[in-house]
Amino acid sequence: MANLFARKTMEALMSESQEQGSHTLKRTLGPFALTSMGIGAVIGAGIFVLSGIGAHSAGPALMLAFVLSGLGCAFAGLCYAEFAAMIPLAGSAYTYAYATLGELFAWIIGWDLTLEYAMGASTVSSGWSNHFVEFLDIFGLHFPLWLAYDHWTGLRTAMDMVARGILEKTQPGLVAGSKSFADALGALVAHPTDAMVVQAHALLNAPKIFGVEIGFNLPAFLIALLITAVLVVGVQESAKFNSAIVMVKLAVVLFVLGLGSHYVDRNNWGHDWHSYAPFGMGGIGLAAGLVFFSYIGFDAVSTTAQEAKNPQRDLPIGLIASLAICTVLYIGVAAVLTGMVYWPNINLEAPVARAFMEHHLVVASHIITIGALAGLTSVMLVMLFGQSRVLYAMARDGLLPAKFFGAIHPRFRTPWKGTILAGFLAAIVGSVTPIDDIGKMVNIGTLLAFVIVCIAVVVLRRADPDRVRPFRAPLVWPIPVVPVLGVLFNGYMMVKLGPANWIRLIVWLIIGLVIYFAYSRKHSRVQKGLLPEPPTE
């Protein structure tokens, strides 16, 4: 069993990081591009969508929930920064675990990162599609339901539309009272009549294959393929594309803060702790676990280590700066949102845009929809970028087929085959699967990766204390304050996500272990005492 925990030597890692030539990844990214990539990964679904869910769990204390999530990421981020500067290779936490905890843990975290990046991109592609459909509605263009959603989500949407029409026709007085209307709507959808079901299917108007209705989220599918094409063309082009999008959505976020602050009613924040945090610390912890998806992706900056111009200096800057900027913006948006609208009345699907609509700021609401589209686009780009680099690193170690996942395009110098496969799978999952619960599963998988990285930095400090560390995380040795806080904060959010998501995580890890013992262990180059597989064209 000892060889299951075989480690990759630091000498081998340093040798890999110094490789040059057309068969290697191209070093083109500076601190600005890396920080933009981190911001691009973070600001998206969380700030435009999940803030509504968090507000219903924590009330105005949503601001503290973002602080709690941000602290968990900050402690893990400092550990990531130390590793990224010391081991400037693609692979992120997978590579760090290989050098410290051994191959089995490296495989687990690599498989876990697939859950974070690929499934996270699928989740975001579906959210992008929802905002794109809303954007088309501005111009009076209506997408067919069966092409705008997967079958189950489309049918649920059609049922909601039928129930809403019934209520507005039979009980118009309910519309004025949003809470009563929402309760009645939920009851109708939960217990529909046969006539409602028939009307919903007619509204869906989906074609049938072998007598079975189909649904295909076409916008989600196409945007994932478009992002994949951009990533294949080259990392420098991808970084420029991402930086342009980041500028757009940062402008929109600042627009939200500037205009929204004029419509804040401080009474909505409450007058004491109970009214500020109506569900106490438990509600804040639950909200932190839910909105944690808002921060997913900042660690993707570390996957660019092999494409950074000066990774020892620039990677810590990109990681820490992007996380700090995004946390401040999240807290500001949470304050504006809960100040503009009393928290029980905050909309769940599009909380920020609807808050402005409630104040009759229609044009502002449309601008926010455009910002959400930009935000979600850049999130997908960074997630799929990170996924392809993790697969590339695993292939070079023999844990995945090197001729496929390790192949570098001769012109673009990107891991093009792995990028295309990851993008296509994300497109398929996002277009045919209801992803309500995938987001939570992505959260718990990412939190596990953060916990492992926090443990790994302590292990390496003890095993190799004299190793040169261009960036040293503070308070790690001899008393590991930062890593322990990282484990505690992220572990607490894992617990708050509930047993159902633990079961999903365990099933995902079991599937990964089957692949490891069936293929990866037999082909591991570290087990055979070989150097990493050289990239192929």
Protein backbone atom coordinates (compact mmCIF):
# COMPACT_ATOMS: atom_id res chain seq x y z
CA MET A 1 0.00 0.00 0.00
CA ALA A 2 2.99 2.30 0.49
CA ASN A 3 3.28 3.01 -3.23
CA LEU A 4 -0.23 4.47 -3.21
CA PHE A 5 1.32 7.44 -1.43
CA ALA A 6 4.40 7.76 -3.64
CA ARG A 7 5.36 11.41 -3.91
CA LYS A 8 6.61 13.37 -6.84
CA THR A 9 9.99 14.84 -5.93
CA MET A 10 10.49 18.58 -5.84
CA GLU A 11 13.48 18.11 -8.15
CA ALA A 12 11.24 16.51 -10.78
CA LEU A 13 8.72 19.33 -10.42
CA MET A 14 11.39 21.98 -10.81
CA SER A 15 12.73 20.21 -13.91
CA GLU A 16 9.27 20.27 -15.47
CA SER A 17 8.78 23.95 -14.69
CA GLN A 18 11.98 24.88 -16.54
CA GLU A 19 11.13 23.08 -19.80
CA GLN A 20 11.02 25.25 -22.90
CA GLY A 21 10.21 24.82 -26.57
CA SER A 22 7.26 24.45 -28.92
CA HIS A 23 6.04 21.33 -27.08
CA THR A 24 5.48 23.30 -23.84
CA LEU A 25 2.85 25.78 -22.68
CA LYS A 26 3.58 29.40 -23.58
CA ARG A 27 4.50 31.87 -20.81
CA THR A 28 2.55 35.04 -21.63
CA LEU A 29 0.59 36.05 -18.51
CA GLY A 30 1.54 38.95 -16.23
CA PRO A 31 0.06 40.11 -12.88
CA PHE A 32 -2.73 42.16 -14.50
CA ALA A 33 -3.87 39.25 -16.67
CA LEU A 34 -3.71 36.85 -13.71
CA THR A 35 -5.70 39.19 -11.46
CA SER A 36 -8.24 39.68 -14.26
CA MET A 37 -8.49 35.92 -14.62
CA GLY A 38 -9.21 35.57 -10.90
CA ILE A 39 -11.86 38.30 -11.00
CA GLY A 40 -13.27 36.77 -14.17
CA ALA A 41 -13.67 33.43 -12.42
CA VAL A 42 -15.27 34.84 -9.29
CA ILE A 43 -17.70 37.61 -10.24
CA GLY A 44 -20.60 35.91 -11.93
CA ALA A 45 -23.40 33.70 -10.66
CA GLY A 46 -22.81 34.59 -7.02
CA ILE A 47 -23.20 38.32 -7.25
CA PHE A 48 -26.08 38.29 -9.75
CA VAL A 49 -28.01 35.14 -8.73
CA LEU A 50 -26.98 33.44 -5.47
CA SER A 51 -27.20 36.63 -3.42
CA GLY A 52 -30.99 36.18 -3.40
CA ILE A 53 -30.77 32.63 -2.03
CA GLY A 54 -28.26 33.77 0.58
CA ALA A 55 -30.48 36.68 1.66
CA HIS A 56 -33.38 34.31 2.35
CA SER A 57 -31.08 32.21 4.57
CA ALA A 58 -29.30 35.00 6.49
CA GLY A 59 -31.36 38.18 6.04
CA PRO A 60 -29.32 41.41 5.95
CA ALA A 61 -26.49 39.41 7.55
CA LEU A 62 -25.83 38.18 4.01
CA MET A 63 -22.95 40.65 4.26
CA LEU A 64 -21.41 38.52 7.04
CA ALA A 65 -22.04 35.35 5.02
CA PHE A 66 -19.89 36.75 2.23
CA VAL A 67 -17.25 37.66 4.83
CA LEU A 68 -17.30 34.08 6.18
CA SER A 69 -16.98 32.56 2.70
CA GLY A 70 -14.28 35.09 1.83
CA LEU A 71 -12.27 34.26 4.94
CA GLY A 72 -12.40 30.54 4.14
CA CYS A 73 -11.11 31.33 0.66
CA ALA A 74 -8.50 33.77 2.01
CA PHE A 75 -6.90 31.21 4.33
CA ALA A 76 -6.86 28.62 1.55
CA GLY A 77 -5.70 31.28 -0.93
CA LEU A 78 -2.58 32.07 1.12
CA CYS A 79 -1.69 28.37 1.07
CA TYR A 80 -2.37 28.21 -2.68
CA ALA A 81 -0.12 31.24 -3.19
CA GLU A 82 2.80 29.60 -1.37
CA PHE A 83 2.52 26.46 -3.48
CA ALA A 84 1.94 28.31 -6.76
CA ALA A 85 5.08 30.42 -6.31
CA MET A 86 7.18 27.44 -5.22
CA ILE A 87 5.86 24.94 -7.82
CA PRO A 88 5.13 26.97 -10.98
CA LEU A 89 3.37 24.16 -12.86
CA ALA A 90 -0.06 23.55 -14.34
CA GLY A 91 -2.25 21.35 -12.17
CA SER A 92 -2.99 23.56 -9.16
CA ALA A 93 -3.90 21.63 -6.01
CA TYR A 94 -3.37 18.31 -7.82
CA THR A 95 0.33 19.07 -8.27
CA TYR A 96 0.69 20.35 -4.70
CA ALA A 97 -0.88 17.19 -3.27
CA TYR A 98 1.41 15.00 -5.40
CA ALA A 99 4.47 16.67 -3.88
CA THR A 100 3.27 16.43 -0.29
CA LEU A 101 0.55 13.84 0.40
CA GLY A 102 1.27 11.31 -2.33
CA GLU A 103 -0.30 9.94 -5.50
CA LEU A 104 -3.61 8.68 -4.11
CA PHE A 105 -4.42 12.07 -2.59
CA ALA A 106 -3.23 13.75 -5.78
CA TRP A 107 -5.65 11.65 -7.83
CA ILE A 108 -8.50 12.36 -5.42
CA ILE A 109 -7.94 16.10 -5.60
CA GLY A 110 -7.47 16.02 -9.38
CA TRP A 111 -10.76 14.17 -9.74
CA ASP A 112 -12.27 16.61 -7.29
CA LEU A 113 -11.09 19.57 -9.38
CA THR A 114 -12.89 18.05 -12.36
CA LEU A 115 -16.04 18.33 -10.28
CA GLU A 116 -15.23 21.97 -9.54
CA TYR A 117 -14.26 23.13 -13.01
CA ALA A 118 -16.15 21.03 -15.58
CA MET A 119 -19.38 20.64 -13.61
CA GLY A 120 -19.10 24.24 -12.43
CA ALA A 121 -18.86 25.38 -16.05
CA SER A 122 -21.98 23.33 -16.85
CA THR A 123 -23.84 25.02 -14.01
CA VAL A 124 -22.77 28.47 -15.15
CA SER A 125 -23.65 27.76 -18.80
CA SER A 126 -27.23 27.08 -17.74
CA GLY A 127 -27.31 30.33 -15.75
CA TRP A 128 -25.90 32.17 -18.76
CA SER A 129 -28.69 30.73 -20.89
CA ASN A 130 -31.37 32.00 -18.47
CA HIS A 131 -29.99 35.53 -18.65
CA PHE A 132 -29.62 35.30 -22.44
CA VAL A 133 -33.29 34.36 -22.78
CA GLU A 134 -34.18 37.34 -20.56
CA PHE A 135 -31.95 39.55 -22.72
CA LEU A 136 -33.81 38.46 -25.87
CA ASP A 137 -37.13 39.21 -24.13
CA ILE A 138 -36.06 42.86 -23.89
CA PHE A 139 -36.30 43.00 -27.69
CA GLY A 140 -39.52 40.98 -27.88
CA LEU A 141 -37.72 37.83 -29.04
CA HIS A 142 -38.99 34.67 -27.35
CA PHE A 143 -37.02 31.45 -27.30
CA PRO A 144 -39.04 28.18 -27.44
CA LEU A 145 -39.11 26.65 -23.97
CA TRP A 146 -37.86 23.26 -25.17
CA LEU A 147 -34.78 24.93 -26.68
CA ALA A 148 -34.16 27.24 -23.72
CA TYR A 149 -34.10 24.59 -20.96
CA ASP A 150 -33.48 20.92 -20.41
CA HIS A 151 -36.74 18.94 -20.44
CA TRP A 152 -37.34 18.86 -16.69
CA THR A 153 -36.53 22.53 -16.13
CA GLY A 154 -38.58 23.52 -19.18
CA LEU A 155 -41.61 21.59 -17.98
CA ARG A 156 -41.25 23.12 -14.51
CA THR A 157 -41.03 26.58 -16.07
CA ALA A 158 -44.13 25.91 -18.18
CA MET A 159 -46.01 24.71 -15.10
CA ASP A 160 -45.03 27.89 -13.27
CA MET A 161 -46.30 30.00 -16.19
CA VAL A 162 -49.63 28.14 -16.25
CA ALA A 163 -50.09 28.49 -12.48
CA ARG A 164 -49.19 32.18 -12.62
CA GLY A 165 -51.79 32.75 -15.36
CA ILE A 166 -54.47 30.97 -13.34
CA LEU A 167 -53.80 33.06 -10.24
CA GLU A 168 -53.67 36.35 -12.10
CA LYS A 169 -56.99 35.53 -13.77
CA THR A 170 -58.89 34.06 -10.80
CA GLN A 171 -57.39 35.95 -7.83
CA PRO A 172 -55.97 39.27 -9.09
CA GLY A 173 -55.90 40.65 -5.55
CA LEU A 174 -53.08 38.27 -4.67
CA VAL A 175 -50.71 39.89 -7.15
CA ALA A 176 -50.44 43.01 -5.00
CA GLY A 177 -49.27 40.95 -2.02
CA SER A 178 -46.05 39.34 -3.22
CA LYS A 179 -45.77 36.91 -0.28
CA SER A 180 -49.35 35.66 -0.58
CA PHE A 181 -48.98 35.36 -4.35
CA ALA A 182 -45.73 33.41 -4.00
CA ASP A 183 -47.30 31.03 -1.45
CA ALA A 184 -50.32 30.39 -3.66
CA LEU A 185 -48.12 29.92 -6.73
CA GLY A 186 -45.90 27.42 -4.90
CA ALA A 187 -48.94 25.45 -3.73
CA LEU A 188 -50.37 25.23 -7.27
CA VAL A 189 -47.09 24.08 -8.80
CA ALA A 190 -46.52 21.54 -6.03
CA HIS A 191 -49.99 20.01 -6.48
CA PRO A 192 -51.02 20.61 -10.10
CA THR A 193 -54.31 19.43 -11.57
CA ASP A 194 -54.44 17.21 -14.64
CA ALA A 195 -55.63 20.20 -16.67
CA MET A 196 -52.58 22.21 -15.57
CA VAL A 197 -50.25 19.40 -16.61
CA VAL A 198 -51.87 19.23 -20.05
CA GLN A 199 -51.56 23.01 -20.46
CA ALA A 200 -47.91 22.93 -19.38
CA HIS A 201 -47.06 20.25 -21.99
CA ALA A 202 -48.89 22.26 -24.64
CA LEU A 203 -46.94 25.39 -23.63
CA LEU A 204 -43.66 23.46 -23.73
CA ASN A 205 -44.57 22.20 -27.23
CA ALA A 206 -41.53 19.94 -27.31
CA PRO A 207 -40.86 17.51 -30.18
CA LYS A 208 -40.81 13.80 -29.39
CA ILE A 209 -38.34 11.04 -30.12
CA PHE A 210 -39.82 7.53 -29.79
CA GLY A 211 -42.78 9.09 -28.01
CA VAL A 212 -40.64 10.88 -25.39
CA GLU A 213 -40.54 14.68 -25.14
CA ILE A 214 -37.09 16.18 -25.51
CA GLY A 215 -35.59 19.37 -24.18
CA PHE A 216 -32.23 20.86 -25.12
CA ASN A 217 -30.75 24.05 -23.70
CA LEU A 218 -29.33 25.36 -26.97
CA PRO A 219 -27.86 28.65 -25.65
CA ALA A 220 -26.00 26.78 -22.89
CA PHE A 221 -24.61 24.31 -25.42
CA LEU A 222 -23.46 26.97 -27.89
CA ILE A 223 -21.83 29.29 -25.34
CA ALA A 224 -19.79 26.39 -23.90
CA LEU A 225 -18.56 25.48 -27.39
CA LEU A 226 -17.73 29.12 -28.17
CA ILE A 227 -15.67 29.46 -24.98
CA THR A 228 -13.92 26.18 -25.83
CA ALA A 229 -12.94 27.52 -29.25
CA VAL A 230 -11.48 30.68 -27.70
CA LEU A 231 -9.43 28.57 -25.28
CA VAL A 232 -8.06 26.34 -28.04
CA VAL A 233 -6.87 29.34 -30.09
CA GLY A 234 -4.47 30.41 -27.34
CA VAL A 235 -3.97 31.47 -23.74
CA GLN A 236 -2.94 35.01 -24.64
CA GLU A 237 -6.05 35.50 -26.77
CA SER A 238 -8.17 33.95 -24.02
CA ALA A 239 -6.63 36.29 -21.43
CA LYS A 240 -7.33 39.34 -23.60
CA PHE A 241 -10.92 38.21 -24.18
CA ASN A 242 -11.35 37.61 -20.45
CA SER A 243 -9.83 40.99 -19.50
CA ALA A 244 -12.26 42.80 -21.82
CA ILE A 245 -15.23 40.99 -20.27
CA VAL A 246 -13.93 41.68 -16.75
CA MET A 247 -13.84 45.41 -17.49
CA VAL A 248 -17.49 45.26 -18.59
CA LYS A 249 -18.77 43.45 -15.54
CA LEU A 250 -16.69 45.49 -13.10
CA ALA A 251 -18.26 48.59 -14.63
CA VAL A 252 -21.71 47.05 -14.13
CA VAL A 253 -20.96 46.12 -10.50
CA LEU A 254 -19.75 49.65 -9.76
CA PHE A 255 -22.88 50.93 -11.51
CA VAL A 256 -25.00 48.78 -9.17
CA LEU A 257 -23.16 50.12 -6.12
CA GLY A 258 -23.30 53.74 -7.24
CA LEU A 259 -26.94 53.91 -8.33
CA GLY A 260 -28.28 51.40 -5.84
CA SER A 261 -26.83 53.26 -2.85
CA HIS A 262 -29.25 56.14 -3.56
CA TYR A 263 -32.22 53.79 -3.03
CA VAL A 264 -31.04 52.12 0.17
CA ASP A 265 -33.40 52.27 3.16
CA ARG A 266 -31.33 51.58 6.27
CA ASN A 267 -34.42 50.36 8.08
CA ASN A 268 -34.27 47.26 5.87
CA TRP A 269 -31.01 46.30 7.59
CA GLY A 270 -32.78 46.04 10.96
CA HIS A 271 -32.34 47.78 14.29
CA ASP A 272 -30.69 45.04 16.37
CA TRP A 273 -28.90 41.72 15.98
CA HIS A 274 -32.14 39.73 15.72
CA SER A 275 -33.53 41.84 12.90
CA TYR A 276 -30.11 42.00 11.19
CA ALA A 277 -29.52 38.24 11.46
CA PRO A 278 -33.05 36.74 11.81
CA PHE A 279 -31.73 33.15 11.69
CA GLY A 280 -28.66 33.74 13.85
CA MET A 281 -25.19 32.30 13.20
CA GLY A 282 -26.72 29.09 11.84
CA GLY A 283 -28.39 31.08 9.07
CA ILE A 284 -25.16 32.94 8.32
CA GLY A 285 -23.27 29.63 8.11
CA LEU A 286 -25.88 28.12 5.80
CA ALA A 287 -25.85 31.22 3.59
CA ALA A 288 -22.04 31.12 3.49
CA GLY A 289 -22.14 27.52 2.28
CA LEU A 290 -24.70 28.40 -0.39
CA VAL A 291 -23.00 31.55 -1.70
CA PHE A 292 -19.58 29.86 -1.60
CA PHE A 293 -20.16 29.13 -5.30
CA SER A 294 -19.64 32.87 -5.69
CA TYR A 295 -15.94 32.40 -4.94
CA ILE A 296 -15.34 29.21 -6.89
CA GLY A 297 -12.71 29.66 -9.54
CA PHE A 298 -10.24 32.07 -7.90
CA ASP A 299 -7.95 29.07 -7.40
CA ALA A 300 -7.94 28.59 -11.19
CA VAL A 301 -5.27 31.32 -11.24
CA SER A 302 -2.87 28.71 -9.84
CA THR A 303 -3.50 26.44 -12.86
CA THR A 304 -1.82 29.09 -15.05
CA ALA A 305 1.52 28.69 -13.27
CA GLN A 306 3.17 27.19 -16.34
CA GLU A 307 1.95 30.09 -18.51
CA ALA A 308 2.87 32.97 -16.18
CA LYS A 309 5.85 35.17 -17.12
CA ASN A 310 7.14 35.42 -13.54
CA PRO A 311 5.12 32.89 -11.53
CA GLN A 312 7.09 33.33 -8.28
CA ARG A 313 6.00 36.98 -8.09
CA ASP A 314 2.85 37.22 -10.19
CA LEU A 315 0.82 34.21 -9.02
CA PRO A 316 0.54 35.32 -5.37
CA ILE A 317 -0.45 38.79 -6.62
CA GLY A 318 -3.13 37.37 -8.92
CA LEU A 319 -4.57 35.05 -6.27
CA ILE A 320 -4.67 37.47 -3.35
CA ALA A 321 -5.59 40.63 -5.28
CA SER A 322 -8.49 39.03 -7.15
CA LEU A 323 -9.88 37.50 -3.96
CA ALA A 324 -9.61 40.77 -2.01
CA ILE A 325 -11.25 42.85 -4.78
CA CYS A 326 -14.13 40.40 -5.22
CA THR A 327 -14.82 40.09 -1.48
CA VAL A 328 -15.12 43.87 -1.11
CA LEU A 329 -17.47 44.06 -4.11
CA TYR A 330 -19.60 41.17 -2.83
CA ILE A 331 -20.07 42.79 0.57
CA GLY A 332 -21.00 46.07 -1.12
CA VAL A 333 -23.59 44.45 -3.39
CA ALA A 334 -25.04 42.49 -0.43
CA ALA A 335 -25.42 45.76 1.49
CA VAL A 336 -27.10 47.53 -1.44
CA LEU A 337 -29.41 44.60 -2.22
CA THR A 338 -30.66 44.11 1.34
CA GLY A 339 -30.96 47.88 1.72
CA MET A 340 -33.01 48.37 -1.47
CA VAL A 341 -35.45 45.52 -0.76
CA TYR A 342 -36.66 44.10 2.57
CA TRP A 343 -34.96 40.67 2.66
CA PRO A 344 -38.07 38.37 2.60
CA ASN A 345 -39.15 40.09 -0.64
CA ILE A 346 -35.84 39.68 -2.49
CA ASN A 347 -36.31 37.77 -5.75
CA LEU A 348 -34.52 34.42 -5.98
CA GLU A 349 -33.92 34.09 -9.74
CA ALA A 350 -32.55 37.56 -10.55
CA PRO A 351 -32.28 39.38 -7.20
CA VAL A 352 -30.19 42.39 -8.25
CA ALA A 353 -32.00 43.09 -11.52
CA ARG A 354 -35.43 42.70 -9.87
CA ALA A 355 -34.42 45.00 -7.01
CA PHE A 356 -33.88 47.78 -9.52
CA MET A 357 -37.14 46.90 -11.29
CA GLU A 358 -39.00 47.33 -7.98
CA HIS A 359 -37.73 50.90 -7.93
CA HIS A 360 -38.89 51.32 -11.56
CA LEU A 361 -35.32 51.52 -12.87
CA VAL A 362 -36.03 49.51 -16.03
CA VAL A 363 -32.98 50.60 -18.05
CA ALA A 364 -30.71 49.90 -15.07
CA SER A 365 -32.22 46.41 -14.79
CA HIS A 366 -31.39 45.74 -18.44
CA ILE A 367 -27.82 46.94 -17.92
CA ILE A 368 -27.49 44.51 -15.01
CA THR A 369 -28.73 41.66 -17.22
CA ILE A 370 -25.97 42.49 -19.71
CA GLY A 371 -23.45 42.57 -16.86
CA ALA A 372 -24.64 39.16 -15.70
CA LEU A 373 -24.10 37.75 -19.19
CA ALA A 374 -20.57 39.15 -19.26
CA GLY A 375 -19.87 37.87 -15.77
CA LEU A 376 -21.04 34.34 -16.46
CA THR A 377 -19.11 34.23 -19.76
CA SER A 378 -15.79 34.94 -18.07
CA VAL A 379 -16.55 32.43 -15.29
CA MET A 380 -17.01 29.69 -17.89
CA LEU A 381 -13.81 30.70 -19.66
CA VAL A 382 -11.68 30.45 -16.52
CA MET A 383 -13.29 27.22 -15.31
CA LEU A 384 -12.78 25.42 -18.62
CA PHE A 385 -9.24 26.83 -18.79
CA GLY A 386 -8.47 25.42 -15.33
CA GLN A 387 -10.01 22.04 -16.19
CA SER A 388 -7.86 21.54 -19.28
CA ARG A 389 -4.67 22.39 -17.34
CA VAL A 390 -5.46 19.92 -14.56
CA LEU A 391 -6.09 17.17 -17.14
CA TYR A 392 -2.82 18.13 -18.85
CA ALA A 393 -0.85 17.81 -15.60
CA MET A 394 -2.44 14.42 -14.78
CA ALA A 395 -1.69 13.13 -18.28
CA ARG A 396 2.00 14.05 -18.01
CA ASP A 397 2.17 11.92 -14.87
CA GLY A 398 0.57 8.96 -16.64
CA LEU A 399 -2.64 9.04 -14.61
CA LEU A 400 -4.59 9.85 -17.80
CA PRO A 401 -3.76 8.95 -21.44
CA ALA A 402 -0.85 11.27 -22.30
CA LYS A 403 -1.26 11.11 -26.09
CA PHE A 404 -4.69 12.68 -25.74
CA PHE A 405 -4.78 14.91 -22.65
CA GLY A 406 -1.09 15.85 -22.89
CA ALA A 407 -1.18 16.79 -26.58
CA ILE A 408 -0.06 20.39 -27.30
CA HIS A 409 -1.27 22.09 -30.47
CA PRO A 410 1.77 22.86 -32.67
CA ARG A 411 0.56 26.36 -33.56
CA PHE A 412 -1.51 27.55 -30.58
CA ARG A 413 0.57 25.73 -27.93
CA THR A 414 -2.48 24.83 -25.87
CA PRO A 415 -3.63 21.38 -24.62
CA TRP A 416 -6.23 21.38 -27.36
CA LYS A 417 -7.60 17.83 -27.22
CA GLY A 418 -8.28 17.95 -23.48
CA THR A 419 -9.77 21.43 -23.85
CA ILE A 420 -12.18 20.29 -26.56
CA LEU A 421 -13.25 17.22 -24.60
CA ALA A 422 -13.81 19.18 -21.37
CA GLY A 423 -15.72 21.90 -23.23
CA PHE A 424 -17.91 19.42 -25.09
CA LEU A 425 -18.78 17.49 -21.93
CA ALA A 426 -19.61 20.73 -20.11
CA ALA A 427 -21.81 21.75 -23.06
CA ILE A 428 -23.70 18.44 -23.01
CA VAL A 429 -24.22 18.38 -19.23
CA GLY A 430 -25.34 22.02 -19.17
CA SER A 431 -27.81 21.53 -22.03
CA VAL A 432 -29.62 18.34 -21.01
CA THR A 433 -29.31 18.14 -17.21
CA PRO A 434 -31.24 20.00 -14.50
CA ILE A 435 -28.39 21.54 -12.53
CA ASP A 436 -30.13 22.81 -9.40
CA ASP A 437 -28.22 20.41 -7.16
CA ILE A 438 -24.97 20.27 -9.15
CA GLY A 439 -24.05 23.72 -7.84
CA LYS A 440 -24.15 22.47 -4.26
CA MET A 441 -22.13 19.38 -5.18
CA VAL A 442 -19.54 21.64 -6.84
CA ASN A 443 -19.38 23.67 -3.62
CA ILE A 444 -18.63 20.70 -1.39
CA GLY A 445 -16.05 19.34 -3.83
CA THR A 446 -14.21 22.65 -3.97
CA LEU A 447 -14.27 23.03 -0.20
CA LEU A 448 -12.67 19.59 0.09
CA ALA A 449 -9.89 20.71 -2.29
CA PHE A 450 -9.29 23.79 -0.13
CA VAL A 451 -9.06 21.67 3.02
CA ILE A 452 -6.51 19.35 1.41
CA VAL A 453 -4.34 22.26 0.23
CA CYS A 454 -4.35 23.76 3.74
CA ILE A 455 -3.16 20.43 5.15
CA ALA A 456 -0.57 19.96 2.39
CA VAL A 457 1.19 23.27 3.06
CA VAL A 458 1.83 22.21 6.68
CA VAL A 459 3.07 18.78 5.58
CA LEU A 460 5.61 20.27 3.17
CA ARG A 461 6.80 22.88 5.68
CA ARG A 462 7.66 20.00 8.01
CA ALA A 463 9.02 17.59 5.38
CA ASP A 464 11.10 20.15 3.47
CA PRO A 465 11.60 23.23 5.68
CA ASP A 466 14.68 24.49 3.79
CA ARG A 467 13.03 24.62 0.37
CA VAL A 468 13.15 28.08 -1.23
CA ARG A 469 9.70 29.67 -0.99
CA PRO A 470 9.37 32.90 -3.01
CA PHE A 471 6.10 33.54 -1.15
CA ARG A 472 5.52 32.25 2.37
CA ALA A 473 2.01 32.11 3.77
CA PRO A 474 2.00 33.78 7.21
CA LEU A 475 1.47 31.90 10.48
CA VAL A 476 2.08 28.41 9.12
CA TRP A 477 5.10 27.22 11.12
CA PRO A 478 5.69 26.24 13.88
CA ILE A 479 2.06 26.95 14.82
CA PRO A 480 -0.15 26.44 11.72
CA VAL A 481 -2.70 29.16 12.46
CA VAL A 482 -3.65 30.02 8.86
CA PRO A 483 -3.95 26.38 7.64
CA VAL A 484 -5.98 25.32 10.69
CA LEU A 485 -8.34 28.28 10.23
CA GLY A 486 -8.65 27.32 6.56
CA VAL A 487 -9.61 23.77 7.51
CA LEU A 488 -12.08 24.96 10.15
CA PHE A 489 -13.80 27.63 8.04
CA ASN A 490 -14.08 25.48 4.92
CA GLY A 491 -14.93 22.35 6.90
CA TYR A 492 -17.74 24.24 8.68
CA MET A 493 -19.24 25.27 5.34
CA MET A 494 -19.02 21.64 4.15
CA VAL A 495 -21.01 20.51 7.19
CA LYS A 496 -23.67 23.18 6.60
CA LEU A 497 -24.31 21.89 3.07
CA GLY A 498 -26.01 18.83 4.54
CA PRO A 499 -25.82 15.02 4.21
CA ALA A 500 -27.30 14.80 0.70
CA ASN A 501 -24.33 16.64 -0.76
CA TRP A 502 -21.89 14.52 1.23
CA ILE A 503 -23.45 11.44 -0.34
CA ARG A 504 -23.07 12.92 -3.84
CA LEU A 505 -19.44 13.79 -3.10
CA ILE A 506 -18.70 10.26 -1.84
CA VAL A 507 -20.30 8.68 -4.93
CA TRP A 508 -18.23 10.97 -7.18
CA LEU A 509 -15.03 10.04 -5.34
CA ILE A 510 -15.85 6.31 -5.55
CA ILE A 511 -16.19 6.61 -9.33
CA GLY A 512 -12.81 8.34 -9.40
CA LEU A 513 -11.17 5.61 -7.31
CA VAL A 514 -12.47 2.93 -9.69
CA ILE A 515 -10.77 4.77 -12.58
CA TYR A 516 -7.58 5.16 -10.54
CA PHE A 517 -7.23 1.47 -9.68
CA ALA A 518 -8.36 0.32 -13.14
CA TYR A 519 -6.05 2.58 -15.18
CA SER A 520 -4.08 5.31 -13.45
CA ARG A 521 -2.15 3.24 -10.91
CA LYS A 522 -0.92 0.88 -13.63
CA HIS A 523 0.28 3.71 -15.89
CA SER A 524 1.67 6.09 -13.25
CA ARG A 525 5.11 7.29 -14.26
CA VAL A 526 5.97 8.08 -10.65
CA GLN A 527 5.23 4.48 -9.67
CA LYS A 528 7.55 3.32 -12.47
CA GLY A 529 10.27 5.74 -11.45
CA LEU A 530 10.05 7.61 -14.76
CA LEU A 531 10.12 11.29 -15.62
CA PRO A 532 6.85 12.97 -16.67
CA GLU A 533 5.63 12.16 -20.17
CA PRO A 534 6.84 14.85 -22.57
CA PRO A 535 4.00 16.71 -24.28
CA THR A 536 3.08 15.68 -27.82
CA GLU A 537 1.75 17.68 -30.73
